[in-house]
Amino acid sequence: MTGLRAHLKVDFRSRRNLAVAIAGLCLVLLAMLAVAQATHLHANETDADHCQLCIVMHTAAPAVAAAAIIVMVQLGALAPIADPVFVLRKSQTRLFIRPPPASC
């Protein structure tokens, strides 16, 4: 058993270096994703409905807003009143994504 522990023993310095390298890699990836989110554009408004990056960022927005509200309540600050934004979208009237076969 002691022989196995001697082989599995890892130096503290190498663990620390590995943790620093992983943290650096995570920070670089986070910076790259932030730049990609901030700089990407869509040709029209409906493309954003199918963009995976936009979908993920819009699902995270309510959590960020809730965290900001919690901090503001703890500090005793008044929250600004947001004006409602109405979005008009055409409803899809097509039932199928392709026409019926020519034999019908």
PDB file of N, CA and C in Angstrom:
ATOM      1  N   MET A   1       0.819  -1.185   0.000  1.00  0.00           N
ATOM      2  CA  MET A   1       0.000   0.000   0.000  1.00  0.00           C
ATOM      3  C   MET A   1       0.870   1.259   0.000  1.00  0.00           C
ATOM      4  N   THR A   2       1.937   1.249   0.754  1.00  0.00           N
ATOM      5  CA  THR A   2       2.797   2.432   0.784  1.00  0.00           C
ATOM      6  C   THR A   2       3.500   2.629  -0.548  1.00  0.00           C
ATOM      7  N   GLY A   3       3.794   1.555  -1.251  1.00  0.00           N
ATOM      8  CA  GLY A   3       4.406   1.675  -2.574  1.00  0.00           C
ATOM      9  C   GLY A   3       3.457   2.333  -3.564  1.00  0.00           C
ATOM     10  N   LEU A   4       2.168   2.015  -3.471  1.00  0.00           N
ATOM     11  CA  LEU A   4       1.165   2.623  -4.349  1.00  0.00           C
ATOM     12  C   LEU A   4       1.009   4.109  -4.042  1.00  0.00           C
ATOM     13  N   ARG A   5       1.022   4.462  -2.764  1.00  0.00           N
ATOM     14  CA  ARG A   5       0.917   5.875  -2.386  1.00  0.00           C
ATOM     15  C   ARG A   5       2.136   6.665  -2.865  1.00  0.00           C
ATOM     16  N   ALA A   6       3.295   6.046  -2.845  1.00  0.00           N
ATOM     17  CA  ALA A   6       4.500   6.733  -3.294  1.00  0.00           C
ATOM     18  C   ALA A   6       4.420   7.034  -4.785  1.00  0.00           C
ATOM     19  N   HIS A   7       3.830   6.135  -5.559  1.00  0.00           N
ATOM     20  CA  HIS A   7       3.703   6.361  -7.004  1.00  0.00           C
ATOM     21  C   HIS A   7       2.603   7.368  -7.333  1.00  0.00           C
ATOM     22  N   LEU A   8       1.561   7.438  -6.499  1.00  0.00           N
ATOM     23  CA  LEU A   8       0.451   8.347  -6.754  1.00  0.00           C
ATOM     24  C   LEU A   8       0.658   9.729  -6.142  1.00  0.00           C
ATOM     25  N   LYS A   9       1.689   9.899  -5.355  1.00  0.00           N
ATOM     26  CA  LYS A   9       1.929  11.178  -4.706  1.00  0.00           C
ATOM     27  C   LYS A   9       2.315  12.223  -5.749  1.00  0.00           C
ATOM     28  N   VAL A  10       1.585  13.337  -5.756  1.00  0.00           N
ATOM     29  CA  VAL A  10       1.803  14.405  -6.723  1.00  0.00           C
ATOM     30  C   VAL A  10       2.372  15.603  -5.976  1.00  0.00           C
ATOM     31  N   ASP A  11       3.329  16.234  -6.582  1.00  0.00           N
ATOM     32  CA  ASP A  11       3.969  17.396  -5.978  1.00  0.00           C
ATOM     33  C   ASP A  11       2.971  18.565  -5.923  1.00  0.00           C
ATOM     34  N   PHE A  12       2.977  19.310  -4.808  1.00  0.00           N
ATOM     35  CA  PHE A  12       2.066  20.443  -4.631  1.00  0.00           C
ATOM     36  C   PHE A  12       2.323  21.518  -5.681  1.00  0.00           C
ATOM     37  N   ARG A  13       3.566  21.725  -6.026  1.00  0.00           N
ATOM     38  CA  ARG A  13       3.929  22.764  -6.985  1.00  0.00           C
ATOM     39  C   ARG A  13       3.368  22.445  -8.373  1.00  0.00           C
ATOM     40  N   SER A  14       3.396  21.180  -8.763  1.00  0.00           N
ATOM     41  CA  SER A  14       2.864  20.813 -10.075  1.00  0.00           C
ATOM     42  C   SER A  14       1.335  20.930 -10.100  1.00  0.00           C
ATOM     43  N   ARG A  15       0.673  20.641  -8.977  1.00  0.00           N
ATOM     44  CA  ARG A  15      -0.781  20.830  -8.892  1.00  0.00           C
ATOM     45  C   ARG A  15      -1.138  22.298  -9.027  1.00  0.00           C
ATOM     46  N   ARG A  16      -0.376  23.141  -8.369  1.00  0.00           N
ATOM     47  CA  ARG A  16      -0.632  24.586  -8.420  1.00  0.00           C
ATOM     48  C   ARG A  16      -0.420  25.105  -9.831  1.00  0.00           C
ATOM     49  N   ASN A  17       0.626  24.665 -10.493  1.00  0.00           N
ATOM     50  CA  ASN A  17       0.882  25.096 -11.864  1.00  0.00           C
ATOM     51  C   ASN A  17      -0.235  24.631 -12.800  1.00  0.00           C
ATOM     52  N   LEU A  18      -0.720  23.426 -12.592  1.00  0.00           N
ATOM     53  CA  LEU A  18      -1.812  22.914 -13.408  1.00  0.00           C
ATOM     54  C   LEU A  18      -3.084  23.731 -13.185  1.00  0.00           C
ATOM     55  N   ALA A  19      -3.380  24.080 -11.937  1.00  0.00           N
ATOM     56  CA  ALA A  19      -4.565  24.874 -11.631  1.00  0.00           C
ATOM     57  C   ALA A  19      -4.470  26.270 -12.246  1.00  0.00           C
ATOM     58  N   VAL A  20      -3.300  26.865 -12.213  1.00  0.00           N
ATOM     59  CA  VAL A  20      -3.103  28.188 -12.815  1.00  0.00           C
ATOM     60  C   VAL A  20      -3.275  28.100 -14.332  1.00  0.00           C
ATOM     61  N   ALA A  21      -2.763  27.052 -14.941  1.00  0.00           N
ATOM     62  CA  ALA A  21      -2.892  26.886 -16.390  1.00  0.00           C
ATOM     63  C   ALA A  21      -4.353  26.691 -16.788  1.00  0.00           C
ATOM     64  N   ILE A  22      -5.092  25.900 -16.034  1.00  0.00           N
ATOM     65  CA  ILE A  22      -6.515  25.677 -16.336  1.00  0.00           C
ATOM     66  C   ILE A  22      -7.301  26.969 -16.143  1.00  0.00           C
ATOM     67  N   ALA A  23      -7.023  27.711 -15.097  1.00  0.00           N
ATOM     68  CA  ALA A  23      -7.712  28.981 -14.862  1.00  0.00           C
ATOM     69  C   ALA A  23      -7.415  29.974 -15.985  1.00  0.00           C
ATOM     70  N   GLY A  24      -6.179  30.024 -16.434  1.00  0.00           N
ATOM     71  CA  GLY A  24      -5.819  30.899 -17.551  1.00  0.00           C
ATOM     72  C   GLY A  24      -6.542  30.507 -18.830  1.00  0.00           C
ATOM     73  N   LEU A  25      -6.623  29.218 -19.091  1.00  0.00           N
ATOM     74  CA  LEU A  25      -7.330  28.728 -20.274  1.00  0.00           C
ATOM     75  C   LEU A  25      -8.811  29.100 -20.210  1.00  0.00           C
ATOM     76  N   CYS A  26      -9.423  28.955 -19.044  1.00  0.00           N
ATOM     77  CA  CYS A  26     -10.835  29.324 -18.885  1.00  0.00           C
ATOM     78  C   CYS A  26     -11.049  30.818 -19.107  1.00  0.00           C
ATOM     79  N   LEU A  27     -10.140  31.649 -18.626  1.00  0.00           N
ATOM     80  CA  LEU A  27     -10.262  33.089 -18.826  1.00  0.00           C
ATOM     81  C   LEU A  27     -10.120  33.464 -20.294  1.00  0.00           C
ATOM     82  N   VAL A  28      -9.204  32.814 -20.997  1.00  0.00           N
ATOM     83  CA  VAL A  28      -9.037  33.082 -22.434  1.00  0.00           C
ATOM     84  C   VAL A  28     -10.287  32.669 -23.200  1.00  0.00           C
ATOM     85  N   LEU A  29     -10.855  31.507 -22.883  1.00  0.00           N
ATOM     86  CA  LEU A  29     -12.082  31.064 -23.549  1.00  0.00           C
ATOM     87  C   LEU A  29     -13.247  32.007 -23.244  1.00  0.00           C
ATOM     88  N   LEU A  30     -13.353  32.472 -22.014  1.00  0.00           N
ATOM     89  CA  LEU A  30     -14.407  33.405 -21.647  1.00  0.00           C
ATOM     90  C   LEU A  30     -14.266  34.717 -22.410  1.00  0.00           C
ATOM     91  N   ALA A  31     -13.050  35.210 -22.555  1.00  0.00           N
ATOM     92  CA  ALA A  31     -12.824  36.445 -23.305  1.00  0.00           C
ATOM     93  C   ALA A  31     -13.183  36.266 -24.776  1.00  0.00           C
ATOM     94  N   MET A  32     -12.839  35.114 -25.351  1.00  0.00           N
ATOM     95  CA  MET A  32     -13.168  34.861 -26.753  1.00  0.00           C
ATOM     96  C   MET A  32     -14.679  34.803 -26.956  1.00  0.00           C
ATOM     97  N   LEU A  33     -15.394  34.156 -26.046  1.00  0.00           N
ATOM     98  CA  LEU A  33     -16.851  34.087 -26.160  1.00  0.00           C
ATOM     99  C   LEU A  33     -17.502  35.450 -25.973  1.00  0.00           C
ATOM    100  N   ALA A  34     -16.954  36.274 -25.091  1.00  0.00           N
ATOM    101  CA  ALA A  34     -17.497  37.619 -24.897  1.00  0.00           C
ATOM    102  C   ALA A  34     -17.334  38.464 -26.155  1.00  0.00           C
ATOM    103  N   VAL A  35     -16.191  38.351 -26.809  1.00  0.00           N
ATOM    104  CA  VAL A  35     -15.963  39.081 -28.060  1.00  0.00           C
ATOM    105  C   VAL A  35     -16.901  38.566 -29.144  1.00  0.00           C
ATOM    106  N   ALA A  36     -17.091  37.257 -29.221  1.00  0.00           N
ATOM    107  CA  ALA A  36     -17.994  36.690 -30.229  1.00  0.00           C
ATOM    108  C   ALA A  36     -19.428  37.166 -30.002  1.00  0.00           C
ATOM    109  N   GLN A  37     -19.878  37.219 -28.759  1.00  0.00           N
ATOM    110  CA  GLN A  37     -21.235  37.669 -28.462  1.00  0.00           C
ATOM    111  C   GLN A  37     -21.402  39.140 -28.792  1.00  0.00           C
ATOM    112  N   ALA A  38     -20.415  39.946 -28.478  1.00  0.00           N
ATOM    113  CA  ALA A  38     -20.540  41.389 -28.669  1.00  0.00           C
ATOM    114  C   ALA A  38     -20.450  41.794 -30.136  1.00  0.00           C
ATOM    115  N   THR A  39     -19.811  41.002 -30.965  1.00  0.00           N
ATOM    116  CA  THR A  39     -19.571  41.420 -32.343  1.00  0.00           C
ATOM    117  C   THR A  39     -20.427  40.714 -33.384  1.00  0.00           C
ATOM    118  N   HIS A  40     -21.205  39.723 -33.008  1.00  0.00           N
ATOM    119  CA  HIS A  40     -21.961  39.029 -34.054  1.00  0.00           C
ATOM    120  C   HIS A  40     -23.249  39.774 -34.393  1.00  0.00           C
ATOM    121  N   LEU A  41     -23.626  39.718 -35.679  1.00  0.00           N
ATOM    122  CA  LEU A  41     -24.795  40.423 -36.194  1.00  0.00           C
ATOM    123  C   LEU A  41     -25.675  39.447 -36.962  1.00  0.00           C
ATOM    124  N   HIS A  42     -26.933  39.846 -37.138  1.00  0.00           N
ATOM    125  CA  HIS A  42     -27.869  39.050 -37.928  1.00  0.00           C
ATOM    126  C   HIS A  42     -28.394  39.906 -39.065  1.00  0.00           C
ATOM    127  N   ALA A  43     -28.647  39.268 -40.214  1.00  0.00           N
ATOM    128  CA  ALA A  43     -29.131  39.996 -41.384  1.00  0.00           C
ATOM    129  C   ALA A  43     -30.525  40.559 -41.145  1.00  0.00           C
ATOM    130  N   ASN A  44     -31.369  39.806 -40.487  1.00  0.00           N
ATOM    131  CA  ASN A  44     -32.700  40.313 -40.139  1.00  0.00           C
ATOM    132  C   ASN A  44     -33.056  39.843 -38.733  1.00  0.00           C
ATOM    133  N   GLU A  45     -34.187  40.333 -38.228  1.00  0.00           N
ATOM    134  CA  GLU A  45     -34.544  40.075 -36.828  1.00  0.00           C
ATOM    135  C   GLU A  45     -34.914  38.618 -36.561  1.00  0.00           C
ATOM    136  N   THR A  46     -35.418  37.911 -37.548  1.00  0.00           N
ATOM    137  CA  THR A  46     -35.849  36.536 -37.312  1.00  0.00           C
ATOM    138  C   THR A  46     -34.682  35.567 -37.214  1.00  0.00           C
ATOM    139  N   ASP A  47     -33.514  35.949 -37.699  1.00  0.00           N
ATOM    140  CA  ASP A  47     -32.347  35.069 -37.572  1.00  0.00           C
ATOM    141  C   ASP A  47     -31.917  34.891 -36.126  1.00  0.00           C
ATOM    142  N   ALA A  48     -32.189  35.887 -35.298  1.00  0.00           N
ATOM    143  CA  ALA A  48     -31.802  35.805 -33.887  1.00  0.00           C
ATOM    144  C   ALA A  48     -32.604  34.738 -33.149  1.00  0.00           C
ATOM    145  N   ASP A  49     -33.789  34.380 -33.677  1.00  0.00           N
ATOM    146  CA  ASP A  49     -34.597  33.341 -33.035  1.00  0.00           C
ATOM    147  C   ASP A  49     -33.964  31.964 -33.154  1.00  0.00           C
ATOM    148  N   HIS A  50     -33.110  31.764 -34.145  1.00  0.00           N
ATOM    149  CA  HIS A  50     -32.499  30.458 -34.376  1.00  0.00           C
ATOM    150  C   HIS A  50     -31.014  30.434 -34.016  1.00  0.00           C
ATOM    151  N   CYS A  51     -30.476  31.553 -33.607  1.00  0.00           N
ATOM    152  CA  CYS A  51     -29.055  31.641 -33.261  1.00  0.00           C
ATOM    153  C   CYS A  51     -28.843  31.072 -31.856  1.00  0.00           C
ATOM    154  N   GLN A  52     -28.030  30.035 -31.737  1.00  0.00           N
ATOM    155  CA  GLN A  52     -27.804  29.403 -30.442  1.00  0.00           C
ATOM    156  C   GLN A  52     -27.168  30.363 -29.441  1.00  0.00           C
ATOM    157  N   LEU A  53     -26.281  31.218 -29.910  1.00  0.00           N
ATOM    158  CA  LEU A  53     -25.616  32.167 -29.020  1.00  0.00           C
ATOM    159  C   LEU A  53     -26.617  33.169 -28.458  1.00  0.00           C
ATOM    160  N   CYS A  54     -27.520  33.670 -29.301  1.00  0.00           N
ATOM    161  CA  CYS A  54     -28.538  34.617 -28.830  1.00  0.00           C
ATOM    162  C   CYS A  54     -29.499  33.952 -27.854  1.00  0.00           C
ATOM    163  N   ILE A  55     -29.870  32.730 -28.134  1.00  0.00           N
ATOM    164  CA  ILE A  55     -30.794  32.018 -27.251  1.00  0.00           C
ATOM    165  C   ILE A  55     -30.182  31.848 -25.867  1.00  0.00           C
ATOM    166  N   VAL A  56     -28.926  31.466 -25.807  1.00  0.00           N
ATOM    167  CA  VAL A  56     -28.259  31.266 -24.514  1.00  0.00           C
ATOM    168  C   VAL A  56     -28.123  32.581 -23.762  1.00  0.00           C
ATOM    169  N   MET A  57     -27.757  33.645 -24.459  1.00  0.00           N
ATOM    170  CA  MET A  57     -27.572  34.928 -23.790  1.00  0.00           C
ATOM    171  C   MET A  57     -28.901  35.491 -23.290  1.00  0.00           C
ATOM    172  N   HIS A  58     -29.987  35.260 -24.025  1.00  0.00           N
ATOM    173  CA  HIS A  58     -31.280  35.766 -23.591  1.00  0.00           C
ATOM    174  C   HIS A  58     -31.858  34.941 -22.443  1.00  0.00           C
ATOM    175  N   THR A  59     -31.468  33.686 -22.316  1.00  0.00           N
ATOM    176  CA  THR A  59     -31.939  32.904 -21.174  1.00  0.00           C
ATOM    177  C   THR A  59     -31.169  33.266 -19.910  1.00  0.00           C
ATOM    178  N   ALA A  60     -29.958  33.760 -20.051  1.00  0.00           N
ATOM    179  CA  ALA A  60     -29.162  34.155 -18.886  1.00  0.00           C
ATOM    180  C   ALA A  60     -29.546  35.544 -18.393  1.00  0.00           C
ATOM    181  N   ALA A  61     -30.171  36.353 -19.227  1.00  0.00           N
ATOM    182  CA  ALA A  61     -30.504  37.736 -18.865  1.00  0.00           C
ATOM    183  C   ALA A  61     -31.423  37.835 -17.654  1.00  0.00           C
ATOM    184  N   PRO A  62     -32.485  37.016 -17.529  1.00  0.00           N
ATOM    185  CA  PRO A  62     -33.330  37.141 -16.321  1.00  0.00           C
ATOM    186  C   PRO A  62     -32.577  36.846 -15.026  1.00  0.00           C
ATOM    187  N   ALA A  63     -31.644  35.927 -15.055  1.00  0.00           N
ATOM    188  CA  ALA A  63     -30.871  35.626 -13.846  1.00  0.00           C
ATOM    189  C   ALA A  63     -29.990  36.810 -13.460  1.00  0.00           C
ATOM    190  N   VAL A  64     -29.415  37.468 -14.447  1.00  0.00           N
ATOM    191  CA  VAL A  64     -28.583  38.642 -14.170  1.00  0.00           C
ATOM    192  C   VAL A  64     -29.438  39.770 -13.622  1.00  0.00           C
ATOM    193  N   ALA A  65     -30.628  39.953 -14.199  1.00  0.00           N
ATOM    194  CA  ALA A  65     -31.525  41.004 -13.710  1.00  0.00           C
ATOM    195  C   ALA A  65     -31.964  40.723 -12.272  1.00  0.00           C
ATOM    196  N   ALA A  66     -32.243  39.475 -11.963  1.00  0.00           N
ATOM    197  CA  ALA A  66     -32.644  39.125 -10.604  1.00  0.00           C
ATOM    198  C   ALA A  66     -31.513  39.389  -9.617  1.00  0.00           C
ATOM    199  N   ALA A  67     -30.285  39.079  -9.994  1.00  0.00           N
ATOM    200  CA  ALA A  67     -29.150  39.343  -9.109  1.00  0.00           C
ATOM    201  C   ALA A  67     -28.974  40.839  -8.884  1.00  0.00           C
ATOM    202  N   ALA A  68     -29.160  41.633  -9.941  1.00  0.00           N
ATOM    203  CA  ALA A  68     -29.044  43.090  -9.797  1.00  0.00           C
ATOM    204  C   ALA A  68     -30.130  43.642  -8.885  1.00  0.00           C
ATOM    205  N   ILE A  69     -31.344  43.100  -8.988  1.00  0.00           N
ATOM    206  CA  ILE A  69     -32.445  43.559  -8.138  1.00  0.00           C
ATOM    207  C   ILE A  69     -32.163  43.227  -6.672  1.00  0.00           C
ATOM    208  N   ILE A  70     -31.618  42.055  -6.425  1.00  0.00           N
ATOM    209  CA  ILE A  70     -31.299  41.673  -5.038  1.00  0.00           C
ATOM    210  C   ILE A  70     -30.284  42.633  -4.441  1.00  0.00           C
ATOM    211  N   VAL A  71     -29.261  42.979  -5.206  1.00  0.00           N
ATOM    212  CA  VAL A  71     -28.241  43.920  -4.711  1.00  0.00           C
ATOM    213  C   VAL A  71     -28.856  45.286  -4.481  1.00  0.00           C
ATOM    214  N   MET A  72     -29.718  45.736  -5.399  1.00  0.00           N
ATOM    215  CA  MET A  72     -30.332  47.058  -5.243  1.00  0.00           C
ATOM    216  C   MET A  72     -31.241  47.117  -4.025  1.00  0.00           C
ATOM    217  N   VAL A  73     -31.979  46.042  -3.761  1.00  0.00           N
ATOM    218  CA  VAL A  73     -32.864  46.020  -2.585  1.00  0.00           C
ATOM    219  C   VAL A  73     -32.034  46.048  -1.311  1.00  0.00           C
ATOM    220  N   GLN A  74     -30.938  45.324  -1.292  1.00  0.00           N
ATOM    221  CA  GLN A  74     -30.093  45.318  -0.095  1.00  0.00           C
ATOM    222  C   GLN A  74     -29.462  46.681   0.151  1.00  0.00           C
ATOM    223  N   LEU A  75     -29.166  47.419  -0.932  1.00  0.00           N
ATOM    224  CA  LEU A  75     -28.582  48.746  -0.777  1.00  0.00           C
ATOM    225  C   LEU A  75     -29.639  49.817  -0.532  1.00  0.00           C
ATOM    226  N   GLY A  76     -30.904  49.478  -0.731  1.00  0.00           N
ATOM    227  CA  GLY A  76     -31.978  50.441  -0.507  1.00  0.00           C
ATOM    228  C   GLY A  76     -32.196  51.371  -1.677  1.00  0.00           C
ATOM    229  N   ALA A  77     -31.733  51.024  -2.846  1.00  0.00           N
ATOM    230  CA  ALA A  77     -31.897  51.872  -4.027  1.00  0.00           C
ATOM    231  C   ALA A  77     -33.227  51.576  -4.700  1.00  0.00           C
ATOM    232  N   LEU A  78     -33.763  52.593  -5.340  1.00  0.00           N
ATOM    233  CA  LEU A  78     -35.003  52.417  -6.085  1.00  0.00           C
ATOM    234  C   LEU A  78     -34.680  51.929  -7.497  1.00  0.00           C
ATOM    235  N   ALA A  79     -35.450  50.975  -7.962  1.00  0.00           N
ATOM    236  CA  ALA A  79     -35.232  50.437  -9.300  1.00  0.00           C
ATOM    237  C   ALA A  79     -35.921  51.325 -10.328  1.00  0.00           C
ATOM    238  N   PRO A  80     -35.272  51.576 -11.452  1.00  0.00           N
ATOM    239  CA  PRO A  80     -35.934  52.363 -12.499  1.00  0.00           C
ATOM    240  C   PRO A  80     -37.084  51.561 -13.114  1.00  0.00           C
ATOM    241  N   ILE A  81     -38.127  52.243 -13.513  1.00  0.00           N
ATOM    242  CA  ILE A  81     -39.272  51.591 -14.130  1.00  0.00           C
ATOM    243  C   ILE A  81     -38.998  51.438 -15.618  1.00  0.00           C
ATOM    244  N   ALA A  82     -39.084  50.220 -16.091  1.00  0.00           N
ATOM    245  CA  ALA A  82     -38.796  49.939 -17.495  1.00  0.00           C
ATOM    246  C   ALA A  82     -40.067  50.083 -18.317  1.00  0.00           C
ATOM    247  N   ASP A  83     -39.932  50.669 -19.495  1.00  0.00           N
ATOM    248  CA  ASP A  83     -41.057  50.778 -20.421  1.00  0.00           C
ATOM    249  C   ASP A  83     -41.236  49.454 -21.131  1.00  0.00           C
ATOM    250  N   PRO A  84     -42.484  49.015 -21.315  1.00  0.00           N
ATOM    251  CA  PRO A  84     -42.699  47.747 -22.021  1.00  0.00           C
ATOM    252  C   PRO A  84     -42.343  47.884 -23.499  1.00  0.00           C
ATOM    253  N   VAL A  85     -41.788  46.814 -24.038  1.00  0.00           N
ATOM    254  CA  VAL A  85     -41.426  46.776 -25.453  1.00  0.00           C
ATOM    255  C   VAL A  85     -42.310  45.735 -26.114  1.00  0.00           C
ATOM    256  N   PHE A  86     -43.076  46.166 -27.107  1.00  0.00           N
ATOM    257  CA  PHE A  86     -43.965  45.259 -27.812  1.00  0.00           C
ATOM    258  C   PHE A  86     -43.294  44.780 -29.085  1.00  0.00           C
ATOM    259  N   VAL A  87     -43.300  43.480 -29.291  1.00  0.00           N
ATOM    260  CA  VAL A  87     -42.681  42.882 -30.465  1.00  0.00           C
ATOM    261  C   VAL A  87     -43.784  42.284 -31.323  1.00  0.00           C
ATOM    262  N   LEU A  88     -43.852  42.715 -32.571  1.00  0.00           N
ATOM    263  CA  LEU A  88     -44.841  42.184 -33.498  1.00  0.00           C
ATOM    264  C   LEU A  88     -44.182  41.152 -34.388  1.00  0.00           C
ATOM    265  N   ARG A  89     -44.752  39.977 -34.421  1.00  0.00           N
ATOM    266  CA  ARG A  89     -44.221  38.911 -35.264  1.00  0.00           C
ATOM    267  C   ARG A  89     -45.355  38.310 -36.067  1.00  0.00           C
ATOM    268  N   LYS A  90     -45.042  37.981 -37.304  1.00  0.00           N
ATOM    269  CA  LYS A  90     -46.027  37.309 -38.129  1.00  0.00           C
ATOM    270  C   LYS A  90     -46.142  35.864 -37.675  1.00  0.00           C
ATOM    271  N   SER A  91     -47.384  35.387 -37.575  1.00  0.00           N
ATOM    272  CA  SER A  91     -47.559  33.991 -37.214  1.00  0.00           C
ATOM    273  C   SER A  91     -47.331  33.117 -38.442  1.00  0.00           C
ATOM    274  N   GLN A  92     -46.833  31.943 -38.217  1.00  0.00           N
ATOM    275  CA  GLN A  92     -46.579  31.011 -39.306  1.00  0.00           C
ATOM    276  C   GLN A  92     -47.889  30.351 -39.709  1.00  0.00           C
ATOM    277  N   THR A  93     -48.288  30.514 -40.957  1.00  0.00           N
ATOM    278  CA  THR A  93     -49.522  29.908 -41.433  1.00  0.00           C
ATOM    279  C   THR A  93     -49.281  28.590 -42.147  1.00  0.00           C
ATOM    280  N   ARG A  94     -48.038  28.274 -42.418  1.00  0.00           N
ATOM    281  CA  ARG A  94     -47.730  27.013 -43.086  1.00  0.00           C
ATOM    282  C   ARG A  94     -47.786  25.870 -42.082  1.00  0.00           C
ATOM    283  N   LEU A  95     -48.381  24.768 -42.504  1.00  0.00           N
ATOM    284  CA  LEU A  95     -48.447  23.608 -41.628  1.00  0.00           C
ATOM    285  C   LEU A  95     -47.285  22.650 -41.871  1.00  0.00           C
ATOM    286  N   PHE A  96     -46.679  22.731 -43.047  1.00  0.00           N
ATOM    287  CA  PHE A  96     -45.605  21.817 -43.397  1.00  0.00           C
ATOM    288  C   PHE A  96     -44.403  22.621 -43.875  1.00  0.00           C
ATOM    289  N   ILE A  97     -43.233  22.019 -43.810  1.00  0.00           N
ATOM    290  CA  ILE A  97     -42.038  22.708 -44.249  1.00  0.00           C
ATOM    291  C   ILE A  97     -41.744  22.487 -45.727  1.00  0.00           C
ATOM    292  N   ARG A  98     -42.468  21.587 -46.369  1.00  0.00           N
ATOM    293  CA  ARG A  98     -42.275  21.344 -47.795  1.00  0.00           C
ATOM    294  C   ARG A  98     -43.629  21.043 -48.424  1.00  0.00           C
ATOM    295  N   PRO A  99     -43.740  21.218 -49.725  1.00  0.00           N
ATOM    296  CA  PRO A  99     -45.020  20.947 -50.389  1.00  0.00           C
ATOM    297  C   PRO A  99     -45.281  19.454 -50.453  1.00  0.00           C
ATOM    298  N   PRO A 100     -46.536  19.062 -50.717  1.00  0.00           N
ATOM    299  CA  PRO A 100     -46.842  17.639 -50.816  1.00  0.00           C
ATOM    300  C   PRO A 100     -46.192  17.030 -52.055  1.00  0.00           C
ATOM    301  N   PRO A 101     -46.037  15.720 -52.085  1.00  0.00           N
ATOM    302  CA  PRO A 101     -45.433  15.068 -53.244  1.00  0.00           C
ATOM    303  C   PRO A 101     -46.268  15.319 -54.508  1.00  0.00           C
ATOM    304  N   ALA A 102     -45.618  15.220 -55.667  1.00  0.00           N
ATOM    305  CA  ALA A 102     -46.268  15.502 -56.945  1.00  0.00           C
ATOM    306  C   ALA A 102     -47.365  14.482 -57.244  1.00  0.00           C
ATOM    307  N   SER A 103     -47.347  13.293 -56.668  1.00  0.00           N
ATOM    308  CA  SER A 103     -48.329  12.271 -56.976  1.00  0.00           C
ATOM    309  C   SER A 103     -49.685  12.527 -56.308  1.00  0.00           C
ATOM    310  N   CYS A 104     -49.736  13.438 -55.353  1.00  0.00           N
ATOM    311  CA  CYS A 104     -51.017  13.681 -54.646  1.00  0.00           C
ATOM    312  C   CYS A 104     -51.949  14.549 -55.445  1.00  0.00           C
TER     313      CYS A 104
END
